[in-house]
Amino acid sequence: MNKNKVYLIVQSVLCIVVCAMLAAAAIMIYRDGLVLKAADPLSWIYTREKVAAAAGPVMPVLVLGIVLTAAGLFMRISDANADKPAKDTEWQRDTIVSRVAAPSNEMKAERSRQRKLNYGGWAAFALCMVPILIYITNGNHFPNGDLEPVFLALILHVIPWTLIGLGILMISTVLQEKSMEREIMAAKEQIKLEKAEGVKPEADDGKVQPADRARLLRIALLAVAVMMIVAGTFNGSARDVFGKAVKICTECIGLG
């Protein structure tokens, strides 16, 4: 492992640590603010002193990251693969498989495994969305009044299931890529065998390739967003938002 790779790994770890520490500091400030607000609603909750005290432990790590960044610029350390195109295993698989006249049993098995992983991953993600939809469609979870407890409860019910669903999708994607790599190796062996036997691949029949995963992800996120909007309308959130907007216009701005 050369020094450039070690440097980039250290910088990445420091960036993750800084983000985690800043998130923890923000949560600590918010938690202390809730306690102080409950005791004295008129007191100042978010002050410079509290932010400085919470951000104090983060500063040494942040300064270390800045120093390392400056040192990297001075030594001209960069990622050698930054200008290279991203690896597209699916495109490589389709390109090599198109040169095969008759897929082998191993290739068919890997392709079947990829379909199962793809459908299984999305099915598991959809299953993780069910508890979220059940929670947000229940109007009893969104009473009128203070929004902070409602928002915190919503986060506690939404984020864990969302992280589980995304984690399953990530694992499914990684396993699919490994399966594609095995299919590529099997296709290369099949090509060698067919060349030895004098078999030529058939012409492309114009079959449509599998849909782009990014497009599928956008469609899925759009569908989830639409379902959440509909659920929010049914549980009365739209009425509450409209009521608060009316109060802002009539009380704060002074219209009407």
Protein backbone atom coordinates (compact mmCIF):
# COMPACT_ATOMS: atom_id res chain seq x y z
CA MET A 1 0.00 0.00 0.00
CA ASN A 2 1.59 3.29 -1.11
CA LYS A 3 1.56 6.56 0.80
CA ASN A 4 -1.12 8.12 -1.41
CA LYS A 5 -3.61 5.38 -0.57
CA VAL A 6 -2.79 5.56 3.15
CA TYR A 7 -3.25 9.33 3.08
CA LEU A 8 -6.62 9.09 1.32
CA ILE A 9 -7.84 6.43 3.76
CA VAL A 10 -6.82 8.56 6.76
CA GLN A 11 -8.54 11.61 5.28
CA SER A 12 -11.71 9.63 4.65
CA VAL A 13 -11.75 8.29 8.21
CA LEU A 14 -11.21 11.79 9.62
CA CYS A 15 -14.07 13.15 7.51
CA ILE A 16 -16.41 10.43 8.81
CA VAL A 17 -15.33 11.06 12.40
CA VAL A 18 -15.87 14.82 12.08
CA CYS A 19 -19.36 14.33 10.60
CA ALA A 20 -20.28 11.88 13.38
CA MET A 21 -18.98 14.21 16.11
CA LEU A 22 -20.82 17.22 14.65
CA ALA A 23 -24.04 15.21 14.47
CA ALA A 24 -23.59 14.08 18.08
CA ALA A 25 -22.94 17.68 19.17
CA ALA A 26 -26.10 18.90 17.41
CA ILE A 27 -28.17 16.16 19.04
CA MET A 28 -26.71 17.01 22.46
CA ILE A 29 -27.56 20.72 22.04
CA TYR A 30 -31.09 19.87 20.93
CA ARG A 31 -31.62 17.43 23.81
CA ASP A 32 -30.37 19.92 26.43
CA GLY A 33 -32.55 22.57 24.83
CA LEU A 34 -35.67 20.44 25.25
CA VAL A 35 -34.91 19.94 28.93
CA LEU A 36 -34.29 23.67 29.46
CA LYS A 37 -37.42 24.60 27.53
CA ALA A 38 -39.53 22.31 29.70
CA ALA A 39 -38.18 24.01 32.85
CA ASP A 40 -38.28 27.59 31.56
CA PRO A 41 -40.00 28.20 28.19
CA LEU A 42 -38.81 31.83 28.05
CA SER A 43 -35.09 31.13 28.55
CA TRP A 44 -32.50 31.29 25.79
CA ILE A 45 -31.89 27.75 24.59
CA TYR A 46 -29.45 27.94 21.69
CA THR A 47 -26.62 30.31 22.58
CA ARG A 48 -23.09 30.80 21.27
CA GLU A 49 -21.64 29.52 24.52
CA LYS A 50 -23.54 26.23 24.28
CA VAL A 51 -22.56 25.76 20.66
CA ALA A 52 -18.91 26.48 21.48
CA ALA A 53 -18.98 24.01 24.40
CA ALA A 54 -20.55 21.29 22.25
CA ALA A 55 -18.23 21.91 19.29
CA GLY A 56 -15.08 22.08 21.44
CA PRO A 57 -14.21 18.35 21.22
CA VAL A 58 -14.68 18.45 17.45
CA MET A 59 -12.16 21.21 16.83
CA PRO A 60 -8.93 19.17 17.31
CA VAL A 61 -10.10 16.55 14.81
CA LEU A 62 -11.27 19.27 12.41
CA VAL A 63 -7.96 21.13 12.66
CA LEU A 64 -6.07 17.87 12.09
CA GLY A 65 -8.11 17.28 8.94
CA ILE A 66 -7.36 20.80 7.68
CA VAL A 67 -3.64 20.35 8.36
CA LEU A 68 -3.60 17.01 6.54
CA THR A 69 -5.47 18.58 3.61
CA ALA A 70 -2.91 21.36 3.38
CA ALA A 71 -0.09 18.82 3.62
CA GLY A 72 -1.67 16.75 0.85
CA LEU A 73 -1.90 19.80 -1.40
CA PHE A 74 1.72 20.68 -0.66
CA MET A 75 2.90 17.12 -1.44
CA ARG A 76 0.53 16.93 -4.44
CA ILE A 77 -1.13 13.74 -3.25
CA SER A 78 -4.12 12.74 -5.36
CA ASP A 79 -6.18 9.70 -6.25
CA ALA A 80 -4.69 8.04 -9.31
CA ASN A 81 -8.10 6.61 -10.24
CA ALA A 82 -9.98 9.91 -9.97
CA ASP A 83 -9.94 10.55 -13.74
CA LYS A 84 -10.73 6.97 -14.71
CA PRO A 85 -14.32 6.10 -15.64
CA ALA A 86 -16.40 4.34 -13.02
CA LYS A 87 -16.46 0.56 -13.23
CA ASP A 88 -19.69 -0.68 -14.79
CA THR A 89 -19.84 -4.41 -14.12
CA GLU A 90 -23.26 -4.77 -15.71
CA TRP A 91 -22.07 -3.19 -18.98
CA GLN A 92 -18.98 -5.43 -18.99
CA ARG A 93 -21.16 -8.48 -18.42
CA ASP A 94 -23.57 -7.59 -21.23
CA THR A 95 -20.68 -6.85 -23.60
CA ILE A 96 -18.92 -10.16 -22.98
CA VAL A 97 -22.10 -12.24 -22.85
CA SER A 98 -23.11 -10.85 -26.26
CA ARG A 99 -20.12 -12.72 -27.72
CA VAL A 100 -21.37 -16.07 -26.42
CA ALA A 101 -23.34 -18.23 -28.85
CA ALA A 102 -24.97 -20.45 -26.22
CA PRO A 103 -24.82 -19.55 -22.50
CA SER A 104 -23.49 -22.28 -20.27
CA ASN A 105 -25.38 -23.69 -17.31
CA GLU A 106 -23.12 -21.73 -14.95
CA MET A 107 -23.94 -18.49 -16.77
CA LYS A 108 -27.67 -19.24 -16.62
CA ALA A 109 -27.42 -20.02 -12.90
CA GLU A 110 -25.64 -16.72 -12.19
CA ARG A 111 -28.18 -14.74 -14.23
CA SER A 112 -31.02 -16.41 -12.33
CA ARG A 113 -29.27 -15.60 -9.05
CA GLN A 114 -28.98 -11.94 -10.08
CA ARG A 115 -32.70 -11.70 -10.82
CA LYS A 116 -33.56 -13.26 -7.47
CA LEU A 117 -31.23 -10.88 -5.64
CA ASN A 118 -32.69 -7.90 -7.49
CA TYR A 119 -36.34 -8.80 -6.88
CA GLY A 120 -35.63 -9.98 -3.34
CA GLY A 121 -33.80 -6.77 -2.44
CA TRP A 122 -36.59 -4.52 -3.69
CA ALA A 123 -39.25 -6.73 -2.09
CA ALA A 124 -37.44 -6.51 1.26
CA PHE A 125 -37.14 -2.72 0.87
CA ALA A 126 -40.87 -2.46 0.16
CA LEU A 127 -41.57 -4.64 3.20
CA CYS A 128 -39.50 -2.27 5.36
CA MET A 129 -41.66 0.62 4.14
CA VAL A 130 -44.87 -1.05 5.42
CA PRO A 131 -44.31 -0.18 9.13
CA ILE A 132 -43.56 3.41 8.10
CA LEU A 133 -46.77 3.69 6.10
CA ILE A 134 -48.77 2.14 8.94
CA TYR A 135 -47.32 4.67 11.38
CA ILE A 136 -47.79 7.79 9.25
CA THR A 137 -51.34 6.86 8.21
CA ASN A 138 -52.45 6.68 11.85
CA GLY A 139 -53.77 10.11 12.75
CA ASN A 140 -53.38 9.42 16.49
CA HIS A 141 -49.60 9.71 16.07
CA PHE A 142 -49.94 13.35 14.93
CA PRO A 143 -51.91 15.23 17.59
CA ASN A 144 -52.30 19.00 17.53
CA GLY A 145 -49.91 20.89 19.76
CA ASP A 146 -46.14 20.79 20.19
CA LEU A 147 -44.52 19.49 17.01
CA GLU A 148 -41.14 18.56 18.51
CA PRO A 149 -42.23 15.34 20.28
CA VAL A 150 -44.23 14.35 17.21
CA PHE A 151 -41.24 15.00 14.95
CA LEU A 152 -38.87 13.05 17.20
CA ALA A 153 -41.27 10.10 17.37
CA LEU A 154 -41.60 10.20 13.57
CA ILE A 155 -37.81 10.10 13.16
CA LEU A 156 -37.50 7.18 15.58
CA HIS A 157 -40.07 5.19 13.60
CA VAL A 158 -38.94 6.16 10.08
CA ILE A 159 -35.13 6.24 10.13
CA PRO A 160 -34.46 2.70 11.49
CA TRP A 161 -36.71 1.01 8.94
CA THR A 162 -35.35 3.21 6.15
CA LEU A 163 -31.75 2.37 7.09
CA ILE A 164 -32.60 -1.34 7.23
CA GLY A 165 -34.23 -1.17 3.79
CA LEU A 166 -31.33 0.74 2.24
CA GLY A 167 -28.85 -1.64 3.88
CA ILE A 168 -30.64 -4.61 2.32
CA LEU A 169 -30.56 -2.91 -1.08
CA MET A 170 -26.82 -2.24 -0.71
CA ILE A 171 -26.11 -5.85 0.22
CA SER A 172 -28.27 -7.07 -2.65
CA THR A 173 -26.41 -4.80 -5.09
CA VAL A 174 -23.00 -5.98 -3.90
CA LEU A 175 -24.03 -9.63 -4.20
CA GLN A 176 -25.42 -8.98 -7.68
CA GLU A 177 -22.10 -7.43 -8.73
CA LYS A 178 -20.19 -10.43 -7.41
CA SER A 179 -22.54 -12.70 -9.33
CA MET A 180 -21.98 -10.63 -12.48
CA GLU A 181 -18.22 -11.01 -12.08
CA ARG A 182 -18.63 -14.78 -11.83
CA GLU A 183 -20.84 -14.72 -14.92
CA ILE A 184 -18.16 -12.76 -16.78
CA MET A 185 -15.55 -15.36 -15.89
CA ALA A 186 -17.91 -18.14 -17.00
CA ALA A 187 -18.63 -16.28 -20.25
CA LYS A 188 -14.92 -15.93 -20.99
CA GLU A 189 -14.45 -19.66 -20.48
CA GLN A 190 -17.45 -20.34 -22.73
CA ILE A 191 -16.00 -18.06 -25.44
CA LYS A 192 -12.71 -19.97 -25.34
CA LEU A 193 -14.58 -23.26 -25.61
CA GLU A 194 -16.70 -22.05 -28.52
CA LYS A 195 -13.64 -20.74 -30.36
CA ALA A 196 -11.98 -24.12 -29.96
CA GLU A 197 -15.09 -25.79 -31.37
CA GLY A 198 -15.53 -23.22 -34.14
CA VAL A 199 -18.92 -21.97 -32.94
CA LYS A 200 -19.81 -18.37 -33.80
CA PRO A 201 -22.21 -16.21 -31.75
CA GLU A 202 -25.59 -15.37 -33.24
CA ALA A 203 -26.43 -11.85 -34.33
CA ASP A 204 -27.91 -9.51 -31.77
CA ASP A 205 -31.69 -9.97 -31.70
CA GLY A 206 -32.32 -6.47 -30.42
CA LYS A 207 -33.50 -7.48 -26.97
CA VAL A 208 -33.97 -4.67 -24.52
CA GLN A 209 -31.29 -4.57 -21.86
CA PRO A 210 -32.26 -4.43 -18.14
CA ALA A 211 -33.46 -1.00 -17.00
CA ASP A 212 -30.94 1.33 -15.50
CA ARG A 213 -30.78 0.96 -11.71
CA ALA A 214 -30.58 4.69 -11.10
CA ARG A 215 -33.83 5.20 -13.02
CA LEU A 216 -35.52 2.45 -11.00
CA LEU A 217 -34.30 4.05 -7.77
CA ARG A 218 -35.71 7.44 -8.81
CA ILE A 219 -39.05 5.85 -9.65
CA ALA A 220 -39.11 4.03 -6.29
CA LEU A 221 -38.28 7.21 -4.35
CA LEU A 222 -40.95 9.12 -6.28
CA ALA A 223 -43.51 6.42 -5.47
CA VAL A 224 -42.58 6.53 -1.77
CA ALA A 225 -42.83 10.34 -1.78
CA VAL A 226 -46.30 10.21 -3.37
CA MET A 227 -47.46 7.59 -0.84
CA MET A 228 -46.20 9.71 2.06
CA ILE A 229 -47.96 12.81 0.69
CA VAL A 230 -51.20 10.88 0.36
CA ALA A 231 -50.76 9.42 3.86
CA GLY A 232 -50.10 12.88 5.29
CA THR A 233 -53.28 14.16 3.66
CA PHE A 234 -55.35 11.35 5.14
CA ASN A 235 -53.97 11.68 8.69
CA GLY A 236 -54.80 15.37 8.86
CA SER A 237 -51.32 16.84 8.45
CA ALA A 238 -52.43 19.01 5.51
CA ARG A 239 -55.11 20.60 7.70
CA ASP A 240 -52.59 21.29 10.47
CA VAL A 241 -50.12 22.88 8.05
CA PHE A 242 -52.86 25.06 6.57
CA GLY A 243 -53.93 26.13 10.06
CA LYS A 244 -50.39 27.12 11.03
CA ALA A 245 -49.98 29.04 7.76
CA VAL A 246 -53.18 30.97 8.50
CA LYS A 247 -51.93 31.82 12.00
CA ILE A 248 -48.61 33.05 10.63
CA CYS A 249 -50.37 35.32 8.16
CA THR A 250 -52.92 36.69 10.61
CA GLU A 251 -50.82 36.92 13.78
CA CYS A 252 -47.21 37.46 12.74
CA ILE A 253 -47.47 39.32 9.45
CA GLY A 254 -50.75 41.02 10.38
CA LEU A 255 -52.84 40.31 7.32
CA GLY A 256 -56.63 40.20 7.50
